[in-house]
């Protein structure tokens, strides 16, 4: 399923939505994810690897993207895909907005768009995972504001004092 680019005007800003992954996204995703200050280098590498996998394998990779661009530069993105061996469940693997563009509603808008894209693919359940560390409270609060409910918490999953928190939204 292919979606055409979409122009959005938000005040004085002209944002573009793009769904195709291009070679420049390898570098730009790294920059976006690093700018947030939340992720360790191995986590940033995973975000980049998903872009590279999509470039190599296309839809067969199981990774789908939505990019928000401002003046031709990606300022945020989401990566999502169907969960293997499920009928209608999807993961949102990444949703990130460059630090300079946060607090403008782009993340929430991007999450809503991602949910619509998943729904268009017959998805009915969306899961997102994050850290239980105190510094991830803003991330968990974001998911809750987007009407995700905490479905599970796995203690010490990522390391000592760092649980995995799993959120769910039923469409």
C-alpha atoms as a PDB file:
ATOM      1  CA  UNK A   1       0.000   0.000   0.000  1.00  0.00           C
ATOM      2  CA  UNK A   2       1.484   3.319  -1.041  1.00  0.00           C
ATOM      3  CA  UNK A   3       0.508   6.720   0.273  1.00  0.00           C
ATOM      4  CA  UNK A   4       1.201   9.950  -1.619  1.00  0.00           C
ATOM      5  CA  UNK A   5       3.082  12.802   0.061  1.00  0.00           C
ATOM      6  CA  UNK A   6       0.832  15.306   1.775  1.00  0.00           C
ATOM      7  CA  UNK A   7       1.330  19.043   2.317  1.00  0.00           C
ATOM      8  CA  UNK A   8       0.107  20.479   5.615  1.00  0.00           C
ATOM      9  CA  UNK A   9       0.079  24.163   6.504  1.00  0.00           C
ATOM     10  CA  UNK A  10       0.418  24.860  10.217  1.00  0.00           C
ATOM     11  CA  UNK A  11       0.407  28.591  10.812  1.00  0.00           C
ATOM     12  CA  UNK A  12       3.341  29.955   8.847  1.00  0.00           C
ATOM     13  CA  UNK A  13       4.964  26.523   8.503  1.00  0.00           C
ATOM     14  CA  UNK A  14       4.535  24.203   5.555  1.00  0.00           C
ATOM     15  CA  UNK A  15       5.031  20.616   6.662  1.00  0.00           C
ATOM     16  CA  UNK A  16       5.203  17.678   4.294  1.00  0.00           C
ATOM     17  CA  UNK A  17       4.411  14.074   5.098  1.00  0.00           C
ATOM     18  CA  UNK A  18       6.496  11.495   3.302  1.00  0.00           C
ATOM     19  CA  UNK A  19       6.165   7.732   3.506  1.00  0.00           C
ATOM     20  CA  UNK A  20       9.008   6.581   1.267  1.00  0.00           C
ATOM     21  CA  UNK A  21      12.396   5.934   2.827  1.00  0.00           C
ATOM     22  CA  UNK A  22      15.351   7.537   1.070  1.00  0.00           C
ATOM     23  CA  UNK A  23      19.080   7.117   1.558  1.00  0.00           C
ATOM     24  CA  UNK A  24      19.384  10.483   3.365  1.00  0.00           C
ATOM     25  CA  UNK A  25      17.074   9.130   6.093  1.00  0.00           C
ATOM     26  CA  UNK A  26      19.895   6.948   7.414  1.00  0.00           C
ATOM     27  CA  UNK A  27      21.770  10.048   8.566  1.00  0.00           C
ATOM     28  CA  UNK A  28      18.720  12.118   9.442  1.00  0.00           C
ATOM     29  CA  UNK A  29      17.112   9.442  11.639  1.00  0.00           C
ATOM     30  CA  UNK A  30      20.387   9.210  13.555  1.00  0.00           C
ATOM     31  CA  UNK A  31      20.372  12.993  14.028  1.00  0.00           C
ATOM     32  CA  UNK A  32      16.728  13.081  15.143  1.00  0.00           C
ATOM     33  CA  UNK A  33      17.070  10.232  17.629  1.00  0.00           C
ATOM     34  CA  UNK A  34      20.375  11.530  19.037  1.00  0.00           C
ATOM     35  CA  UNK A  35      18.932  15.032  19.435  1.00  0.00           C
ATOM     36  CA  UNK A  36      16.315  13.791  21.914  1.00  0.00           C
ATOM     37  CA  UNK A  37      18.996  12.982  24.488  1.00  0.00           C
ATOM     38  CA  UNK A  38      17.130   9.853  25.607  1.00  0.00           C
ATOM     39  CA  UNK A  39      18.876   7.072  23.760  1.00  0.00           C
ATOM     40  CA  UNK A  40      22.183   5.291  24.243  1.00  0.00           C
ATOM     41  CA  UNK A  41      24.374   4.789  21.134  1.00  0.00           C
ATOM     42  CA  UNK A  42      23.308   1.128  20.656  1.00  0.00           C
ATOM     43  CA  UNK A  43      19.651   2.235  20.662  1.00  0.00           C
ATOM     44  CA  UNK A  44      20.383   4.923  18.073  1.00  0.00           C
ATOM     45  CA  UNK A  45      22.085   2.260  15.967  1.00  0.00           C
ATOM     46  CA  UNK A  46      18.920   0.132  16.091  1.00  0.00           C
ATOM     47  CA  UNK A  47      16.815   3.055  14.834  1.00  0.00           C
ATOM     48  CA  UNK A  48      19.212   3.472  11.913  1.00  0.00           C
ATOM     49  CA  UNK A  49      19.278  -0.273  11.213  1.00  0.00           C
ATOM     50  CA  UNK A  50      15.501  -0.271  10.707  1.00  0.00           C
ATOM     51  CA  UNK A  51      15.865   2.445   8.065  1.00  0.00           C
ATOM     52  CA  UNK A  52      18.635   0.473   6.368  1.00  0.00           C
ATOM     53  CA  UNK A  53      16.546  -2.710   6.459  1.00  0.00           C
ATOM     54  CA  UNK A  54      13.633  -0.868   4.847  1.00  0.00           C
ATOM     55  CA  UNK A  55      15.932   0.469   2.128  1.00  0.00           C
ATOM     56  CA  UNK A  56      17.242  -3.058   1.441  1.00  0.00           C
ATOM     57  CA  UNK A  57      13.985  -5.021   1.564  1.00  0.00           C
ATOM     58  CA  UNK A  58      11.121  -2.572   1.059  1.00  0.00           C
ATOM     59  CA  UNK A  59       7.736  -3.754   2.326  1.00  0.00           C
ATOM     60  CA  UNK A  60       9.175  -7.232   2.957  1.00  0.00           C
ATOM     61  CA  UNK A  61      11.167  -5.729   5.835  1.00  0.00           C
ATOM     62  CA  UNK A  62       7.946  -5.281   7.806  1.00  0.00           C
ATOM     63  CA  UNK A  63       9.023  -1.729   8.728  1.00  0.00           C
ATOM     64  CA  UNK A  64       6.916   1.195   7.570  1.00  0.00           C
ATOM     65  CA  UNK A  65       7.716   4.868   8.047  1.00  0.00           C
ATOM     66  CA  UNK A  66       6.097   8.271   8.112  1.00  0.00           C
ATOM     67  CA  UNK A  67       8.344  11.342   7.986  1.00  0.00           C
ATOM     68  CA  UNK A  68       7.377  14.913   8.801  1.00  0.00           C
ATOM     69  CA  UNK A  69       9.467  17.381   6.821  1.00  0.00           C
ATOM     70  CA  UNK A  70       9.954  21.110   7.149  1.00  0.00           C
ATOM     71  CA  UNK A  71      11.490  22.772   4.100  1.00  0.00           C
ATOM     72  CA  UNK A  72      12.638  19.400   2.771  1.00  0.00           C
ATOM     73  CA  UNK A  73      14.313  18.304   6.040  1.00  0.00           C
ATOM     74  CA  UNK A  74      12.878  15.486   8.147  1.00  0.00           C
ATOM     75  CA  UNK A  75      12.124  16.804  11.637  1.00  0.00           C
ATOM     76  CA  UNK A  76      10.292  13.771  12.978  1.00  0.00           C
ATOM     77  CA  UNK A  77       9.318  10.267  12.056  1.00  0.00           C
ATOM     78  CA  UNK A  78       7.576   7.111  13.113  1.00  0.00           C
ATOM     79  CA  UNK A  79       8.434   3.527  12.328  1.00  0.00           C
ATOM     80  CA  UNK A  80       5.787   0.853  12.737  1.00  0.00           C
ATOM     81  CA  UNK A  81       4.976  -2.624  11.519  1.00  0.00           C
ATOM     82  CA  UNK A  82       2.857  -5.711  11.940  1.00  0.00           C
ATOM     83  CA  UNK A  83       3.783  -8.059  14.766  1.00  0.00           C
ATOM     84  CA  UNK A  84       4.735 -11.471  13.378  1.00  0.00           C
ATOM     85  CA  UNK A  85       2.259 -14.306  14.020  1.00  0.00           C
ATOM     86  CA  UNK A  86      -0.585 -11.958  14.947  1.00  0.00           C
ATOM     87  CA  UNK A  87      -3.705 -11.185  12.937  1.00  0.00           C
ATOM     88  CA  UNK A  88      -4.091  -7.452  13.504  1.00  0.00           C
ATOM     89  CA  UNK A  89      -1.468  -6.305  16.047  1.00  0.00           C
ATOM     90  CA  UNK A  90       1.179  -3.695  15.264  1.00  0.00           C
ATOM     91  CA  UNK A  91       4.207  -2.272  17.019  1.00  0.00           C
ATOM     92  CA  UNK A  92       5.195   1.367  16.918  1.00  0.00           C
ATOM     93  CA  UNK A  93       8.949   0.833  17.043  1.00  0.00           C
ATOM     94  CA  UNK A  94       9.968   4.486  16.999  1.00  0.00           C
ATOM     95  CA  UNK A  95       8.372   7.864  17.162  1.00  0.00           C
ATOM     96  CA  UNK A  96      10.765  10.762  17.510  1.00  0.00           C
ATOM     97  CA  UNK A  97      10.787  14.479  16.855  1.00  0.00           C
ATOM     98  CA  UNK A  98      13.976  16.497  16.677  1.00  0.00           C
ATOM     99  CA  UNK A  99      14.608  18.311  19.932  1.00  0.00           C
ATOM    100  CA  UNK A 100      14.398  21.728  18.205  1.00  0.00           C
ATOM    101  CA  UNK A 101      10.850  20.926  17.019  1.00  0.00           C
ATOM    102  CA  UNK A 102       9.415  19.366  20.164  1.00  0.00           C
ATOM    103  CA  UNK A 103       6.535  20.934  22.081  1.00  0.00           C
ATOM    104  CA  UNK A 104       4.808  22.014  18.849  1.00  0.00           C
ATOM    105  CA  UNK A 105       2.304  19.140  18.710  1.00  0.00           C
ATOM    106  CA  UNK A 106       4.204  17.335  15.962  1.00  0.00           C
ATOM    107  CA  UNK A 107       4.680  14.154  18.008  1.00  0.00           C
ATOM    108  CA  UNK A 108       0.997  13.819  18.842  1.00  0.00           C
ATOM    109  CA  UNK A 109       0.043  14.621  15.252  1.00  0.00           C
ATOM    110  CA  UNK A 110       2.541  12.015  14.008  1.00  0.00           C
ATOM    111  CA  UNK A 111       1.156   9.417  16.438  1.00  0.00           C
ATOM    112  CA  UNK A 112      -2.399  10.080  15.211  1.00  0.00           C
ATOM    113  CA  UNK A 113      -1.221   9.743  11.613  1.00  0.00           C
ATOM    114  CA  UNK A 114       0.597   6.500  12.429  1.00  0.00           C
ATOM    115  CA  UNK A 115      -2.563   5.113  14.016  1.00  0.00           C
ATOM    116  CA  UNK A 116      -4.510   6.009  10.856  1.00  0.00           C
ATOM    117  CA  UNK A 117      -1.886   4.289   8.700  1.00  0.00           C
ATOM    118  CA  UNK A 118      -2.071   1.170  10.866  1.00  0.00           C
ATOM    119  CA  UNK A 119      -5.881   1.210  10.710  1.00  0.00           C
ATOM    120  CA  UNK A 120      -5.679   1.454   6.894  1.00  0.00           C
ATOM    121  CA  UNK A 121      -3.645  -1.771   6.970  1.00  0.00           C
ATOM    122  CA  UNK A 122      -6.403  -3.481   9.007  1.00  0.00           C
ATOM    123  CA  UNK A 123      -4.450  -3.096  12.266  1.00  0.00           C
ATOM    124  CA  UNK A 124      -6.584  -3.159  15.397  1.00  0.00           C
ATOM    125  CA  UNK A 125      -4.140  -3.252  18.327  1.00  0.00           C
ATOM    126  CA  UNK A 126      -1.051  -1.051  18.680  1.00  0.00           C
ATOM    127  CA  UNK A 127       1.739  -1.712  21.145  1.00  0.00           C
ATOM    128  CA  UNK A 128       4.523   0.666  22.112  1.00  0.00           C
ATOM    129  CA  UNK A 129       7.375  -0.062  24.488  1.00  0.00           C
ATOM    130  CA  UNK A 130       9.491   2.291  26.521  1.00  0.00           C
ATOM    131  CA  UNK A 131      11.739   2.419  29.528  1.00  0.00           C
ATOM    132  CA  UNK A 132      10.473   2.640  33.084  1.00  0.00           C
ATOM    133  CA  UNK A 133      13.386   4.875  34.122  1.00  0.00           C
ATOM    134  CA  UNK A 134      12.397   8.164  35.766  1.00  0.00           C
ATOM    135  CA  UNK A 135      13.848  10.205  32.891  1.00  0.00           C
ATOM    136  CA  UNK A 136      11.351   8.489  30.549  1.00  0.00           C
ATOM    137  CA  UNK A 137       8.359   9.868  32.452  1.00  0.00           C
ATOM    138  CA  UNK A 138       7.703  12.456  29.679  1.00  0.00           C
ATOM    139  CA  UNK A 139       7.632   9.618  27.131  1.00  0.00           C
ATOM    140  CA  UNK A 140       5.206   7.548  29.181  1.00  0.00           C
ATOM    141  CA  UNK A 141       3.053  10.631  29.765  1.00  0.00           C
ATOM    142  CA  UNK A 142       3.027  11.270  26.002  1.00  0.00           C
ATOM    143  CA  UNK A 143       1.671   7.771  25.333  1.00  0.00           C
ATOM    144  CA  UNK A 144      -0.956   8.208  28.015  1.00  0.00           C
ATOM    145  CA  UNK A 145      -2.040  11.569  26.529  1.00  0.00           C
ATOM    146  CA  UNK A 146      -2.400   9.716  23.222  1.00  0.00           C
ATOM    147  CA  UNK A 147      -4.828   7.349  25.000  1.00  0.00           C
ATOM    148  CA  UNK A 148      -2.515   4.355  25.314  1.00  0.00           C
ATOM    149  CA  UNK A 149      -2.961   2.274  28.452  1.00  0.00           C
ATOM    150  CA  UNK A 150      -0.204   0.554  30.367  1.00  0.00           C
ATOM    151  CA  UNK A 151      -0.631  -3.136  29.567  1.00  0.00           C
ATOM    152  CA  UNK A 152       2.463  -4.573  31.249  1.00  0.00           C
ATOM    153  CA  UNK A 153       5.707  -3.752  32.985  1.00  0.00           C
ATOM    154  CA  UNK A 154       8.650  -6.138  32.927  1.00  0.00           C
ATOM    155  CA  UNK A 155      11.000  -5.359  35.840  1.00  0.00           C
ATOM    156  CA  UNK A 156      14.753  -5.061  35.227  1.00  0.00           C
ATOM    157  CA  UNK A 157      14.196  -5.828  31.522  1.00  0.00           C
ATOM    158  CA  UNK A 158      16.777  -3.404  30.113  1.00  0.00           C
ATOM    159  CA  UNK A 159      19.044  -3.512  33.165  1.00  0.00           C
ATOM    160  CA  UNK A 160      19.094  -2.881  36.886  1.00  0.00           C
ATOM    161  CA  UNK A 161      16.340  -0.416  37.747  1.00  0.00           C
ATOM    162  CA  UNK A 162      15.190  -0.192  34.123  1.00  0.00           C
ATOM    163  CA  UNK A 163      11.913  -1.931  33.376  1.00  0.00           C
ATOM    164  CA  UNK A 164      10.187  -2.289  30.029  1.00  0.00           C
ATOM    165  CA  UNK A 165       6.765  -0.616  30.015  1.00  0.00           C
ATOM    166  CA  UNK A 166       4.357  -1.787  27.326  1.00  0.00           C
ATOM    167  CA  UNK A 167       1.441   0.375  26.282  1.00  0.00           C
ATOM    168  CA  UNK A 168      -1.575  -0.678  24.223  1.00  0.00           C
ATOM    169  CA  UNK A 169      -4.211   1.106  22.190  1.00  0.00           C
ATOM    170  CA  UNK A 170      -7.163  -0.727  20.685  1.00  0.00           C
ATOM    171  CA  UNK A 171      -8.408   0.968  17.533  1.00  0.00           C
END
